[in-house]
N, C-alpha and C. Protein backbone atom coordinates (compact mmCIF):
# COMPACT_ATOMS: atom_id res chain seq x y z
N MET A 1 -14.66 1.78 -7.32
CA MET A 1 -13.94 0.34 -8.48
C MET A 1 -13.27 -0.73 -6.90
N CYS A 2 -14.24 -1.83 -7.35
CA CYS A 2 -13.98 -2.33 -6.40
C CYS A 2 -12.60 -2.27 -5.99
N ILE A 3 -11.83 -3.13 -4.31
CA ILE A 3 -10.57 -3.07 -4.61
C ILE A 3 -9.65 -4.44 -4.74
N CYS A 4 -11.12 -5.93 -4.76
CA CYS A 4 -10.93 -7.12 -4.65
C CYS A 4 -9.03 -7.02 -6.01
N VAL A 5 -9.70 -6.83 -7.78
CA VAL A 5 -9.16 -6.86 -8.05
C VAL A 5 -6.94 -6.69 -7.68
N ASN A 6 -7.05 -6.32 -6.76
CA ASN A 6 -5.36 -5.77 -6.40
C ASN A 6 -5.47 -7.03 -5.16
N CYS A 7 -6.18 -7.89 -4.98
CA CYS A 7 -5.66 -8.46 -3.93
C CYS A 7 -5.42 -9.82 -3.84
N ARG A 8 -4.31 -10.18 -2.88
CA ARG A 8 -3.63 -11.45 -2.87
C ARG A 8 -4.69 -12.38 -3.02
N HIS A 9 -5.50 -12.29 -1.89
CA HIS A 9 -6.89 -13.63 -1.76
C HIS A 9 -8.37 -13.40 -2.33
N VAL A 10 -8.28 -13.19 -4.25
CA VAL A 10 -9.95 -12.67 -4.76
C VAL A 10 -9.54 -13.76 -5.49
N GLN A 11 -8.84 -15.08 -5.54
CA GLN A 11 -9.17 -16.64 -5.83
C GLN A 11 -10.14 -17.03 -4.76
N ASN A 12 -10.27 -16.83 -3.85
CA ASN A 12 -10.84 -17.72 -2.99
C ASN A 12 -11.21 -16.64 -1.75
N CYS A 13 -12.15 -16.15 -2.36
CA CYS A 13 -13.39 -14.91 -0.63
C CYS A 13 -14.07 -15.10 -1.46
N THR A 14 -14.87 -15.29 -0.33
CA THR A 14 -15.80 -15.38 -0.76
C THR A 14 -16.49 -14.12 -0.58
N THR A 15 -16.35 -13.16 0.05
CA THR A 15 -16.28 -11.35 -0.17
C THR A 15 -17.03 -11.30 -1.39
N TYR A 16 -15.96 -11.18 -2.49
CA TYR A 16 -15.29 -10.72 -3.74
C TYR A 16 -16.89 -12.25 -4.85
N GLN A 17 -16.68 -13.41 -4.32
CA GLN A 17 -17.39 -14.76 -4.58
C GLN A 17 -19.25 -13.41 -4.97
N LEU A 18 -19.48 -13.26 -3.82
CA LEU A 18 -20.35 -12.47 -3.69
C LEU A 18 -20.85 -11.28 -4.75
N ILE A 19 -20.01 -10.35 -4.75
CA ILE A 19 -19.77 -9.57 -5.69
C ILE A 19 -20.26 -10.00 -6.73
N LYS A 20 -18.94 -10.87 -7.34
CA LYS A 20 -19.45 -10.74 -9.06
C LYS A 20 -20.05 -11.66 -9.13
N TYR A 21 -21.29 -11.95 -8.67
CA TYR A 21 -22.40 -13.38 -8.35
C TYR A 21 -23.37 -11.50 -8.32
N LYS A 22 -23.24 -10.57 -8.05
CA LYS A 22 -24.08 -9.37 -8.13
C LYS A 22 -24.36 -8.70 -9.11
N HIS A 23 -23.06 -8.75 -9.50
CA HIS A 23 -22.84 -8.26 -11.17
C HIS A 23 -23.51 -9.93 -11.74
N GLN A 24 -23.29 -10.04 -12.09
CA GLN A 24 -23.33 -10.81 -13.50
C GLN A 24 -25.15 -11.78 -12.97
N GLN A 25 -25.90 -11.72 -12.48
CA GLN A 25 -27.83 -11.17 -11.53
C GLN A 25 -28.41 -9.66 -13.07
N LYS A 26 -27.38 -8.99 -13.12
CA LYS A 26 -27.99 -8.02 -14.00
C LYS A 26 -27.60 -8.07 -15.83
N ARG A 27 -26.78 -9.11 -15.58
CA ARG A 27 -26.45 -9.94 -16.76
C ARG A 27 -27.44 -10.71 -17.08
N HIS A 28 -28.35 -11.68 -15.77
CA HIS A 28 -28.97 -12.66 -15.82
C HIS A 28 -28.41 -14.01 -16.08
N VAL A 29 -26.42 -14.00 -15.41
CA VAL A 29 -26.06 -15.35 -15.71
C VAL A 29 -26.78 -15.86 -13.66
N ASN A 30 -26.64 -16.60 -14.12
CA ASN A 30 -26.75 -17.62 -12.25
C ASN A 30 -26.04 -19.00 -12.18
N HIS A 31 -25.12 -19.23 -12.64
CA HIS A 31 -23.74 -19.62 -12.64
C HIS A 31 -22.59 -19.81 -11.53
N VAL A 32 -22.35 -19.01 -10.13
CA VAL A 32 -21.39 -18.90 -9.86
C VAL A 32 -21.72 -19.90 -8.30
N ASN A 33 -20.77 -20.53 -7.71
CA ASN A 33 -20.29 -20.92 -6.74
C ASN A 33 -20.12 -20.31 -5.50
N ILE A 34 -20.62 -19.67 -5.06
CA ILE A 34 -20.41 -19.32 -3.52
C ILE A 34 -19.53 -20.44 -2.83
N ASP A 35 -19.85 -21.71 -2.36
CA ASP A 35 -20.06 -22.90 -2.19
C ASP A 35 -18.29 -22.77 -1.68
N THR A 36 -17.77 -22.78 -3.21
CA THR A 36 -16.20 -23.70 -3.21
C THR A 36 -15.36 -22.70 -3.05
N ASN A 37 -15.76 -21.98 -2.97
CA ASN A 37 -14.17 -20.64 -1.82
C ASN A 37 -14.09 -20.08 -0.22
N PHE A 38 -13.04 -20.24 0.75
CA PHE A 38 -13.54 -20.78 1.52
C PHE A 38 -12.86 -20.38 2.75
N PHE A 39 -11.81 -18.46 1.88
CA PHE A 39 -11.40 -16.97 2.32
C PHE A 39 -12.29 -16.74 3.29
N ILE A 40 -12.71 -16.07 4.23
CA ILE A 40 -13.25 -14.90 3.96
C ILE A 40 -13.20 -14.62 5.68
N PRO A 41 -12.70 -12.63 4.78
CA PRO A 41 -12.02 -11.37 5.14
C PRO A 41 -12.94 -11.70 6.21
N LYS A 42 -12.18 -9.86 7.16
CA LYS A 42 -12.22 -10.28 7.66
C LYS A 42 -13.18 -8.06 7.63
N GLU A 43 -14.21 -8.04 8.02
CA GLU A 43 -14.39 -6.03 8.39
C GLU A 43 -14.31 -5.33 7.33
N THR A 44 -15.04 -5.73 6.11
CA THR A 44 -15.67 -5.20 5.01
C THR A 44 -16.63 -4.12 5.29
N LEU A 45 -16.39 -3.57 3.47
CA LEU A 45 -16.83 -2.16 3.82
C LEU A 45 -17.56 -1.84 2.30
N MET A 46 -18.87 -2.33 1.80
CA MET A 46 -19.25 -2.62 0.69
C MET A 46 -20.00 -1.17 0.77
N ASN A 47 -19.25 -0.51 -1.21
CA ASN A 47 -20.53 0.66 -1.72
C ASN A 47 -21.18 -0.12 -2.63
N ILE A 48 -22.83 -0.08 -2.41
CA ILE A 48 -23.61 -0.62 -4.04
C ILE A 48 -24.42 1.36 -4.22
N ASN A 49 -24.32 0.84 -4.94
CA ASN A 49 -24.45 2.78 -6.41
C ASN A 49 -26.00 1.89 -6.73
N ILE A 50 -26.73 2.85 -6.74
CA ILE A 50 -27.90 2.65 -6.74
C ILE A 50 -28.13 3.56 -7.89
N ILE A 51 -28.72 2.05 -9.59
CA ILE A 51 -28.74 3.21 -10.73
C ILE A 51 -29.60 3.32 -11.32
N TYR A 52 -30.23 4.29 -11.73
CA TYR A 52 -31.66 4.23 -12.65
C TYR A 52 -31.98 3.83 -13.41
N SER A 53 -31.97 3.66 -14.88
CA SER A 53 -32.38 4.02 -16.18
C SER A 53 -33.45 4.51 -16.13
N GLN A 54 -33.95 6.12 -17.32
CA GLN A 54 -35.13 6.49 -16.74
C GLN A 54 -35.66 5.75 -18.90
N TYR A 55 -34.25 4.93 -19.59
CA TYR A 55 -35.12 4.89 -20.71
C TYR A 55 -35.66 3.33 -20.46
N VAL A 56 -35.42 2.52 -19.98
CA VAL A 56 -36.27 1.36 -19.15
C VAL A 56 -36.58 1.38 -19.28
N HIS A 57 -36.77 2.54 -17.69
CA HIS A 57 -36.99 2.40 -16.70
C HIS A 57 -36.98 0.76 -15.92
N HIS A 58 -35.91 1.06 -14.96
CA HIS A 58 -34.85 -0.42 -14.85
C HIS A 58 -34.11 0.24 -13.18
N THR A 59 -33.71 -0.18 -12.02
CA THR A 59 -33.00 -0.38 -11.19
C THR A 59 -31.82 -1.46 -11.05
N TYR A 60 -30.58 -0.32 -11.50
CA TYR A 60 -29.36 -1.08 -11.67
C TYR A 60 -28.53 -1.04 -9.90
N PHE A 61 -28.14 -1.54 -9.42
CA PHE A 61 -27.01 -2.39 -8.39
C PHE A 61 -26.03 -2.15 -9.39
N ASP A 62 -25.02 -1.44 -8.52
CA ASP A 62 -22.90 -1.90 -8.86
C ASP A 62 -22.89 -1.51 -7.25
N TRP A 63 -22.30 -3.10 -7.27
CA TRP A 63 -21.39 -3.42 -6.31
C TRP A 63 -19.65 -3.16 -6.14
N ASP A 64 -19.37 -2.95 -5.09
CA ASP A 64 -18.16 -3.04 -4.67
C ASP A 64 -17.65 -2.52 -3.82
N LEU A 65 -16.41 -3.01 -3.13
CA LEU A 65 -15.73 -3.75 -2.16
C LEU A 65 -14.81 -1.81 -1.94
N ILE A 66 -15.20 -1.52 -0.58
CA ILE A 66 -14.19 -0.71 -0.75
C ILE A 66 -13.27 -0.87 0.00
N GLU A 67 -13.26 -1.30 1.05
CA GLU A 67 -12.36 -1.15 2.48
C GLU A 67 -12.55 -2.45 3.43
N CYS A 68 -11.07 -3.63 2.96
CA CYS A 68 -11.15 -4.87 4.12
C CYS A 68 -9.71 -4.72 4.97
N LEU A 69 -9.94 -4.80 5.89
CA LEU A 69 -9.40 -4.95 6.47
C LEU A 69 -8.01 -6.60 6.51
N SER A 70 -9.26 -7.39 5.75
CA SER A 70 -8.05 -8.49 5.54
C SER A 70 -7.10 -8.46 3.65
N PHE A 71 -7.41 -7.52 3.41
CA PHE A 71 -7.14 -6.86 1.67
C PHE A 71 -5.37 -7.54 1.88
N VAL A 72 -4.76 -7.96 0.80
CA VAL A 72 -2.91 -7.58 0.58
C VAL A 72 -3.16 -7.65 -1.51
N GLU A 73 -1.80 -6.24 -0.92
CA GLU A 73 -1.92 -5.61 -1.97
C GLU A 73 -1.45 -6.86 -2.64
N MET A 74 -1.80 -7.20 -4.01
CA MET A 74 -0.93 -7.71 -5.18
C MET A 74 -1.62 -7.40 -6.58
N PRO A 75 -1.07 -6.60 -6.86
CA PRO A 75 -1.26 -6.20 -8.40
C PRO A 75 -2.03 -7.44 -9.38
N GLY A 76 -3.11 -7.19 -10.46
CA GLY A 76 -3.04 -7.80 -11.37
C GLY A 76 -3.14 -9.45 -11.03
N TYR A 77 -3.71 -9.91 -9.57
CA TYR A 77 -3.45 -11.94 -9.74
C TYR A 77 -4.83 -11.49 -9.48
N TRP A 78 -6.26 -10.98 -9.94
CA TRP A 78 -7.66 -11.47 -10.37
C TRP A 78 -7.33 -12.06 -11.74
N THR A 79 -6.30 -11.99 -12.50
CA THR A 79 -6.39 -12.11 -14.18
C THR A 79 -5.52 -13.14 -14.17
N ILE A 80 -4.35 -13.59 -12.98
CA ILE A 80 -4.11 -15.34 -13.26
C ILE A 80 -4.42 -15.70 -13.07
């Protein structure tokens, strides 16, 4: 699970925007603007799960941020 959803910086974080863009790519949505965000977190660690679907013969990537030194806990801030 991505820790970004409970971080104070989620609204303007470049790393979160990248993860959001990657999640939308599998849905074929290409309108996320990464350039409008200005917060660059320090020392992030991403987890990328590779999921292969045998039924449709397609590989999916699930991107999650699991560690970030800039993380400031603020539960539910991403919904504001």
